[in-house]
Amino acid sequence: MAVELVFTERRSELTETRARNLERLRERLAAASGHAVEVAHYEQVDPRRLAAATSIVLSGSSAPWSVRDPAELERLGEAVHAAGRPLLGICAGMQLQARFAGGEIGPSAKPERGFLPIEILDRSDLLHGLPAEPLVFQDHTDEIVTLPDDFRVLAASTECAVQAISCPERRWWGTQFHPEEANPEHPAGERVLRTFFALAGA
């Protein structure tokens, strides 16, 4: 079995730079989970592979939601729900989680970019072991504006009220920030990835 990484970037938007970023994500998921990581693009997700995975990760994306095919996103949501596997959403991936569960996404009042502090509100699961205000990597222009009732907010920032979410009943977790962008000076992201896979039982 393997971790299934779903690239939420549109194929037509997948520049060399974005492809390198997604490959780095794959490598860091493999290191954090200790498992092989299989890759799929959201336009062509195989529900059988999602159902067979140890866990699923939805990547970030740069393309605006307005250029997406709603039917493709709906098919992805149906496949994720049907798989019933532990799920981590990163940036756009977390926004998709909220959308799949009945929440709403909207433009950020002020985009966040770079290593910036967040305030931990709940460290009982995904953010366990982090300091009160870790520095994490941000790169987003949209955010969750309505969170589904069965989710709770784990972290916030000055510009974004929903920086991390959790729904243990679904085994769904998400971060608006990019935990894969970690280094020795900013180790919080790596801790988040390892904690997710521990929670997922990967």
C-alpha atoms as a PDB file:
ATOM      1  CA  MET A   1       0.000   0.000   0.000  1.00  0.00           C
ATOM      2  CA  ALA A   2       1.052   3.592  -0.587  1.00  0.00           C
ATOM      3  CA  VAL A   3       0.175   7.179   0.143  1.00  0.00           C
ATOM      4  CA  GLU A   4      -1.853   8.679  -2.706  1.00  0.00           C
ATOM      5  CA  LEU A   5      -0.854  12.254  -3.560  1.00  0.00           C
ATOM      6  CA  VAL A   6      -3.438  14.061  -5.679  1.00  0.00           C
ATOM      7  CA  PHE A   7      -2.069  17.070  -7.562  1.00  0.00           C
ATOM      8  CA  THR A   8      -4.821  19.686  -7.552  1.00  0.00           C
ATOM      9  CA  GLU A   9      -2.924  21.848 -10.055  1.00  0.00           C
ATOM     10  CA  ARG A  10      -4.447  21.884 -13.541  1.00  0.00           C
ATOM     11  CA  ARG A  11      -2.253  20.093 -16.075  1.00  0.00           C
ATOM     12  CA  SER A  12      -2.366  23.154 -18.340  1.00  0.00           C
ATOM     13  CA  GLU A  13      -0.969  25.277 -15.473  1.00  0.00           C
ATOM     14  CA  LEU A  14       1.814  22.855 -14.542  1.00  0.00           C
ATOM     15  CA  THR A  15       4.947  24.879 -15.332  1.00  0.00           C
ATOM     16  CA  GLU A  16       8.428  23.492 -14.701  1.00  0.00           C
ATOM     17  CA  THR A  17       8.654  25.431 -11.444  1.00  0.00           C
ATOM     18  CA  ARG A  18       5.307  24.137 -10.204  1.00  0.00           C
ATOM     19  CA  ALA A  19       6.208  20.604 -11.272  1.00  0.00           C
ATOM     20  CA  ARG A  20       9.428  20.835  -9.211  1.00  0.00           C
ATOM     21  CA  ASN A  21       7.450  22.073  -6.210  1.00  0.00           C
ATOM     22  CA  LEU A  22       5.044  19.160  -6.483  1.00  0.00           C
ATOM     23  CA  GLU A  23       7.909  16.688  -6.799  1.00  0.00           C
ATOM     24  CA  ARG A  24       9.439  18.153  -3.642  1.00  0.00           C
ATOM     25  CA  LEU A  25       6.096  17.637  -1.923  1.00  0.00           C
ATOM     26  CA  ARG A  26       6.071  13.999  -3.039  1.00  0.00           C
ATOM     27  CA  GLU A  27       9.591  13.455  -1.701  1.00  0.00           C
ATOM     28  CA  ARG A  28       8.805  15.034   1.651  1.00  0.00           C
ATOM     29  CA  LEU A  29       5.629  13.019   2.060  1.00  0.00           C
ATOM     30  CA  ALA A  30       7.624   9.858   1.397  1.00  0.00           C
ATOM     31  CA  ALA A  31      10.224  10.858   3.992  1.00  0.00           C
ATOM     32  CA  ALA A  32       7.611  11.740   6.604  1.00  0.00           C
ATOM     33  CA  SER A  33       5.433   8.646   6.062  1.00  0.00           C
ATOM     34  CA  GLY A  34       8.059   5.997   5.347  1.00  0.00           C
ATOM     35  CA  HIS A  35       5.823   4.792   2.489  1.00  0.00           C
ATOM     36  CA  ALA A  36       5.921   4.992  -1.262  1.00  0.00           C
ATOM     37  CA  VAL A  37       3.917   7.916  -2.631  1.00  0.00           C
ATOM     38  CA  GLU A  38       1.843   7.412  -5.770  1.00  0.00           C
ATOM     39  CA  VAL A  39       0.826  10.476  -7.792  1.00  0.00           C
ATOM     40  CA  ALA A  40      -2.401  11.297  -9.623  1.00  0.00           C
ATOM     41  CA  HIS A  41      -3.780  14.488 -11.172  1.00  0.00           C
ATOM     42  CA  TYR A  42      -7.208  15.493  -9.959  1.00  0.00           C
ATOM     43  CA  GLU A  43      -8.643  15.484 -13.494  1.00  0.00           C
ATOM     44  CA  GLN A  44      -8.011  11.740 -13.787  1.00  0.00           C
ATOM     45  CA  VAL A  45      -8.267  10.335 -10.279  1.00  0.00           C
ATOM     46  CA  ASP A  46      -8.869   6.581 -10.026  1.00  0.00           C
ATOM     47  CA  PRO A  47     -11.302   5.954  -7.123  1.00  0.00           C
ATOM     48  CA  ARG A  48      -9.948   2.413  -6.726  1.00  0.00           C
ATOM     49  CA  ARG A  49      -6.441   3.725  -6.037  1.00  0.00           C
ATOM     50  CA  LEU A  50      -7.736   6.205  -3.476  1.00  0.00           C
ATOM     51  CA  ALA A  51      -9.648   3.438  -1.696  1.00  0.00           C
ATOM     52  CA  ALA A  52      -6.526   1.232  -1.588  1.00  0.00           C
ATOM     53  CA  ALA A  53      -4.198   3.961  -0.245  1.00  0.00           C
ATOM     54  CA  THR A  54      -2.959   4.136   3.339  1.00  0.00           C
ATOM     55  CA  SER A  55      -3.839   7.849   3.260  1.00  0.00           C
ATOM     56  CA  ILE A  56      -4.545  10.621   0.759  1.00  0.00           C
ATOM     57  CA  VAL A  57      -2.963  14.062   0.407  1.00  0.00           C
ATOM     58  CA  LEU A  58      -4.490  16.860  -1.689  1.00  0.00           C
ATOM     59  CA  SER A  59      -1.801  19.273  -2.855  1.00  0.00           C
ATOM     60  CA  GLY A  60      -1.849  23.021  -3.180  1.00  0.00           C
ATOM     61  CA  SER A  61      -2.477  24.766  -6.486  1.00  0.00           C
ATOM     62  CA  SER A  62      -1.889  28.107  -8.175  1.00  0.00           C
ATOM     63  CA  ALA A  63      -4.789  28.199 -10.649  1.00  0.00           C
ATOM     64  CA  PRO A  64      -7.862  30.237  -9.592  1.00  0.00           C
ATOM     65  CA  TRP A  65     -11.026  28.320  -8.783  1.00  0.00           C
ATOM     66  CA  SER A  66     -12.890  30.206 -11.515  1.00  0.00           C
ATOM     67  CA  VAL A  67     -10.991  28.351 -14.259  1.00  0.00           C
ATOM     68  CA  ARG A  68     -11.741  24.868 -12.871  1.00  0.00           C
ATOM     69  CA  ASP A  69     -14.267  22.469 -14.310  1.00  0.00           C
ATOM     70  CA  PRO A  70     -16.852  22.058 -11.513  1.00  0.00           C
ATOM     71  CA  ALA A  71     -17.668  18.541 -12.722  1.00  0.00           C
ATOM     72  CA  GLU A  72     -14.028  17.441 -12.318  1.00  0.00           C
ATOM     73  CA  LEU A  73     -13.937  18.809  -8.775  1.00  0.00           C
ATOM     74  CA  GLU A  74     -17.227  17.082  -7.988  1.00  0.00           C
ATOM     75  CA  ARG A  75     -15.840  13.757  -9.228  1.00  0.00           C
ATOM     76  CA  LEU A  76     -12.771  14.218  -7.027  1.00  0.00           C
ATOM     77  CA  GLY A  77     -14.961  14.949  -4.020  1.00  0.00           C
ATOM     78  CA  GLU A  78     -17.062  11.851  -4.651  1.00  0.00           C
ATOM     79  CA  ALA A  79     -13.928   9.709  -4.959  1.00  0.00           C
ATOM     80  CA  VAL A  80     -12.440  11.095  -1.745  1.00  0.00           C
ATOM     81  CA  HIS A  81     -15.670  10.534   0.183  1.00  0.00           C
ATOM     82  CA  ALA A  82     -16.022   7.001  -1.183  1.00  0.00           C
ATOM     83  CA  ALA A  83     -12.415   6.093  -0.346  1.00  0.00           C
ATOM     84  CA  GLY A  84     -12.896   6.769   3.362  1.00  0.00           C
ATOM     85  CA  ARG A  85      -9.148   7.095   3.892  1.00  0.00           C
ATOM     86  CA  PRO A  86      -7.304   9.534   6.200  1.00  0.00           C
ATOM     87  CA  LEU A  87      -6.981  12.797   4.305  1.00  0.00           C
ATOM     88  CA  LEU A  88      -4.624  15.774   4.516  1.00  0.00           C
ATOM     89  CA  GLY A  89      -5.422  18.890   2.491  1.00  0.00           C
ATOM     90  CA  ILE A  90      -2.670  21.434   1.874  1.00  0.00           C
ATOM     91  CA  CYS A  91      -3.578  25.017   0.907  1.00  0.00           C
ATOM     92  CA  ALA A  92      -5.984  24.595  -2.038  1.00  0.00           C
ATOM     93  CA  GLY A  93      -6.329  20.976  -0.917  1.00  0.00           C
ATOM     94  CA  MET A  94      -7.671  22.116   2.462  1.00  0.00           C
ATOM     95  CA  GLN A  95     -10.060  24.500   0.717  1.00  0.00           C
ATOM     96  CA  LEU A  96     -11.327  21.569  -1.339  1.00  0.00           C
ATOM     97  CA  GLN A  97     -11.912  19.565   1.844  1.00  0.00           C
ATOM     98  CA  ALA A  98     -14.142  22.340   3.152  1.00  0.00           C
ATOM     99  CA  ARG A  99     -15.963  22.521  -0.173  1.00  0.00           C
ATOM    100  CA  PHE A 100     -16.485  18.747  -0.298  1.00  0.00           C
ATOM    101  CA  ALA A 101     -18.013  18.880   3.208  1.00  0.00           C
ATOM    102  CA  GLY A 102     -20.368  21.777   2.412  1.00  0.00           C
ATOM    103  CA  GLY A 103     -18.200  24.781   3.301  1.00  0.00           C
ATOM    104  CA  GLU A 104     -17.346  27.817   1.212  1.00  0.00           C
ATOM    105  CA  ILE A 105     -14.160  29.329  -0.226  1.00  0.00           C
ATOM    106  CA  GLY A 106     -13.544  33.003  -0.976  1.00  0.00           C
ATOM    107  CA  PRO A 107     -10.733  35.432  -1.822  1.00  0.00           C
ATOM    108  CA  SER A 108      -8.399  36.482   0.964  1.00  0.00           C
ATOM    109  CA  ALA A 109      -8.595  40.109   2.064  1.00  0.00           C
ATOM    110  CA  LYS A 110      -4.798  40.142   2.005  1.00  0.00           C
ATOM    111  CA  PRO A 111      -2.721  37.313   0.462  1.00  0.00           C
ATOM    112  CA  GLU A 112      -0.012  35.760   2.633  1.00  0.00           C
ATOM    113  CA  ARG A 113       3.380  34.768   1.246  1.00  0.00           C
ATOM    114  CA  GLY A 114       6.581  33.611   2.907  1.00  0.00           C
ATOM    115  CA  PHE A 115       7.398  32.267   6.365  1.00  0.00           C
ATOM    116  CA  LEU A 116       4.897  33.904   8.708  1.00  0.00           C
ATOM    117  CA  PRO A 117       3.612  33.160  12.227  1.00  0.00           C
ATOM    118  CA  ILE A 118       0.348  31.433  13.007  1.00  0.00           C
ATOM    119  CA  GLU A 119      -1.406  31.208  16.365  1.00  0.00           C
ATOM    120  CA  ILE A 120      -2.106  27.679  17.561  1.00  0.00           C
ATOM    121  CA  LEU A 121      -5.635  27.433  18.972  1.00  0.00           C
ATOM    122  CA  ASP A 122      -5.793  23.661  19.467  1.00  0.00           C
ATOM    123  CA  ARG A 123      -2.772  21.370  19.599  1.00  0.00           C
ATOM    124  CA  SER A 124      -4.618  18.211  20.527  1.00  0.00           C
ATOM    125  CA  ASP A 125      -3.980  16.405  17.224  1.00  0.00           C
ATOM    126  CA  LEU A 126      -2.447  17.684  13.960  1.00  0.00           C
ATOM    127  CA  LEU A 127      -0.511  20.554  15.573  1.00  0.00           C
ATOM    128  CA  HIS A 128       0.632  18.544  18.590  1.00  0.00           C
ATOM    129  CA  GLY A 129       4.065  19.528  19.839  1.00  0.00           C
ATOM    130  CA  LEU A 130       4.314  22.873  18.037  1.00  0.00           C
ATOM    131  CA  PRO A 131       5.126  26.139  19.813  1.00  0.00           C
ATOM    132  CA  ALA A 132       2.362  28.691  20.374  1.00  0.00           C
ATOM    133  CA  GLU A 133       3.302  30.747  17.296  1.00  0.00           C
ATOM    134  CA  PRO A 134       5.366  28.699  14.823  1.00  0.00           C
ATOM    135  CA  LEU A 135       6.622  30.144  11.554  1.00  0.00           C
ATOM    136  CA  VAL A 136       5.158  28.305   8.568  1.00  0.00           C
ATOM    137  CA  PHE A 137       5.254  28.901   4.816  1.00  0.00           C
ATOM    138  CA  GLN A 138       2.283  30.689   3.289  1.00  0.00           C
ATOM    139  CA  ASP A 139       1.366  31.178  -0.372  1.00  0.00           C
ATOM    140  CA  HIS A 140      -2.341  31.748  -0.890  1.00  0.00           C
ATOM    141  CA  THR A 141      -4.863  34.229  -2.254  1.00  0.00           C
ATOM    142  CA  ASP A 142      -8.030  32.336  -1.216  1.00  0.00           C
ATOM    143  CA  GLU A 143      -9.233  30.935   2.081  1.00  0.00           C
ATOM    144  CA  ILE A 144     -12.096  29.126   3.787  1.00  0.00           C
ATOM    145  CA  VAL A 145     -14.863  31.605   4.591  1.00  0.00           C
ATOM    146  CA  THR A 146     -17.458  29.099   5.867  1.00  0.00           C
ATOM    147  CA  LEU A 147     -16.249  26.011   7.705  1.00  0.00           C
ATOM    148  CA  PRO A 148     -18.510  22.937   7.855  1.00  0.00           C
ATOM    149  CA  ASP A 149     -20.061  22.398  11.284  1.00  0.00           C
ATOM    150  CA  ASP A 150     -18.221  19.164  12.056  1.00  0.00           C
ATOM    151  CA  PHE A 151     -14.775  20.725  11.631  1.00  0.00           C
ATOM    152  CA  ARG A 152     -12.834  22.711  14.191  1.00  0.00           C
ATOM    153  CA  VAL A 153     -10.209  25.404  13.633  1.00  0.00           C
ATOM    154  CA  LEU A 154      -6.772  24.479  14.945  1.00  0.00           C
ATOM    155  CA  ALA A 155      -4.832  27.642  14.036  1.00  0.00           C
ATOM    156  CA  ALA A 156      -5.292  31.167  12.713  1.00  0.00           C
ATOM    157  CA  SER A 157      -3.158  34.093  11.597  1.00  0.00           C
ATOM    158  CA  THR A 158      -3.607  37.843  11.501  1.00  0.00           C
ATOM    159  CA  GLU A 159      -4.798  37.715   7.879  1.00  0.00           C
ATOM    160  CA  CYS A 160      -6.488  34.304   7.792  1.00  0.00           C
ATOM    161  CA  ALA A 161      -8.950  32.979  10.368  1.00  0.00           C
ATOM    162  CA  VAL A 162      -8.637  29.339   9.238  1.00  0.00           C
ATOM    163  CA  GLN A 163      -5.024  28.172   9.046  1.00  0.00           C
ATOM    164  CA  ALA A 164      -5.564  24.540  10.034  1.00  0.00           C
ATOM    165  CA  ILE A 165      -8.601  22.323  10.450  1.00  0.00           C
ATOM    166  CA  SER A 166      -9.523  18.958  11.896  1.00  0.00           C
ATOM    167  CA  CYS A 167     -12.430  16.541  11.681  1.00  0.00           C
ATOM    168  CA  PRO A 168     -11.283  13.357  13.459  1.00  0.00           C
ATOM    169  CA  GLU A 169     -14.630  11.641  12.803  1.00  0.00           C
ATOM    170  CA  ARG A 170     -13.920  11.814   9.072  1.00  0.00           C
ATOM    171  CA  ARG A 171     -10.153  11.430   9.656  1.00  0.00           C
ATOM    172  CA  TRP A 172      -9.679  14.672   7.691  1.00  0.00           C
ATOM    173  CA  TRP A 173      -7.070  17.302   8.499  1.00  0.00           C
ATOM    174  CA  GLY A 174      -5.866  20.338   6.595  1.00  0.00           C
ATOM    175  CA  THR A 175      -3.494  23.285   6.595  1.00  0.00           C
ATOM    176  CA  GLN A 176      -3.747  26.570   4.734  1.00  0.00           C
ATOM    177  CA  PHE A 177       0.038  26.812   5.014  1.00  0.00           C
ATOM    178  CA  HIS A 178       2.486  24.519   3.211  1.00  0.00           C
ATOM    179  CA  PRO A 179       4.040  22.047   5.695  1.00  0.00           C
ATOM    180  CA  GLU A 180       6.262  20.589   2.977  1.00  0.00           C
ATOM    181  CA  GLU A 181       8.189  23.887   2.892  1.00  0.00           C
ATOM    182  CA  ALA A 182      10.279  23.217   5.956  1.00  0.00           C
ATOM    183  CA  ASN A 183      13.984  23.592   6.746  1.00  0.00           C
ATOM    184  CA  PRO A 184      16.240  23.516   9.835  1.00  0.00           C
ATOM    185  CA  GLU A 185      15.346  27.142  10.642  1.00  0.00           C
ATOM    186  CA  HIS A 186      11.607  26.482  10.148  1.00  0.00           C
ATOM    187  CA  PRO A 187      10.945  22.861  11.230  1.00  0.00           C
ATOM    188  CA  ALA A 188       7.242  23.136  12.106  1.00  0.00           C
ATOM    189  CA  GLY A 189       6.003  21.910   8.729  1.00  0.00           C
ATOM    190  CA  GLU A 190       7.916  18.655   8.899  1.00  0.00           C
ATOM    191  CA  ARG A 191       6.463  18.006  12.362  1.00  0.00           C
ATOM    192  CA  VAL A 192       2.960  18.549  10.973  1.00  0.00           C
ATOM    193  CA  LEU A 193       3.507  16.001   8.184  1.00  0.00           C
ATOM    194  CA  ARG A 194       4.857  13.384  10.582  1.00  0.00           C
ATOM    195  CA  THR A 195       1.973  13.978  12.967  1.00  0.00           C
ATOM    196  CA  PHE A 196      -0.576  13.523  10.170  1.00  0.00           C
ATOM    197  CA  PHE A 197       0.876  10.165   9.187  1.00  0.00           C
ATOM    198  CA  ALA A 198       0.936   9.094  12.840  1.00  0.00           C
ATOM    199  CA  LEU A 199      -2.733  10.038  13.155  1.00  0.00           C
ATOM    200  CA  ALA A 200      -3.486   8.259   9.877  1.00  0.00           C
ATOM    201  CA  GLY A 201      -1.733   5.106  11.033  1.00  0.00           C
ATOM    202  CA  ALA A 202       0.438   5.150   7.881  1.00  0.00           C
END
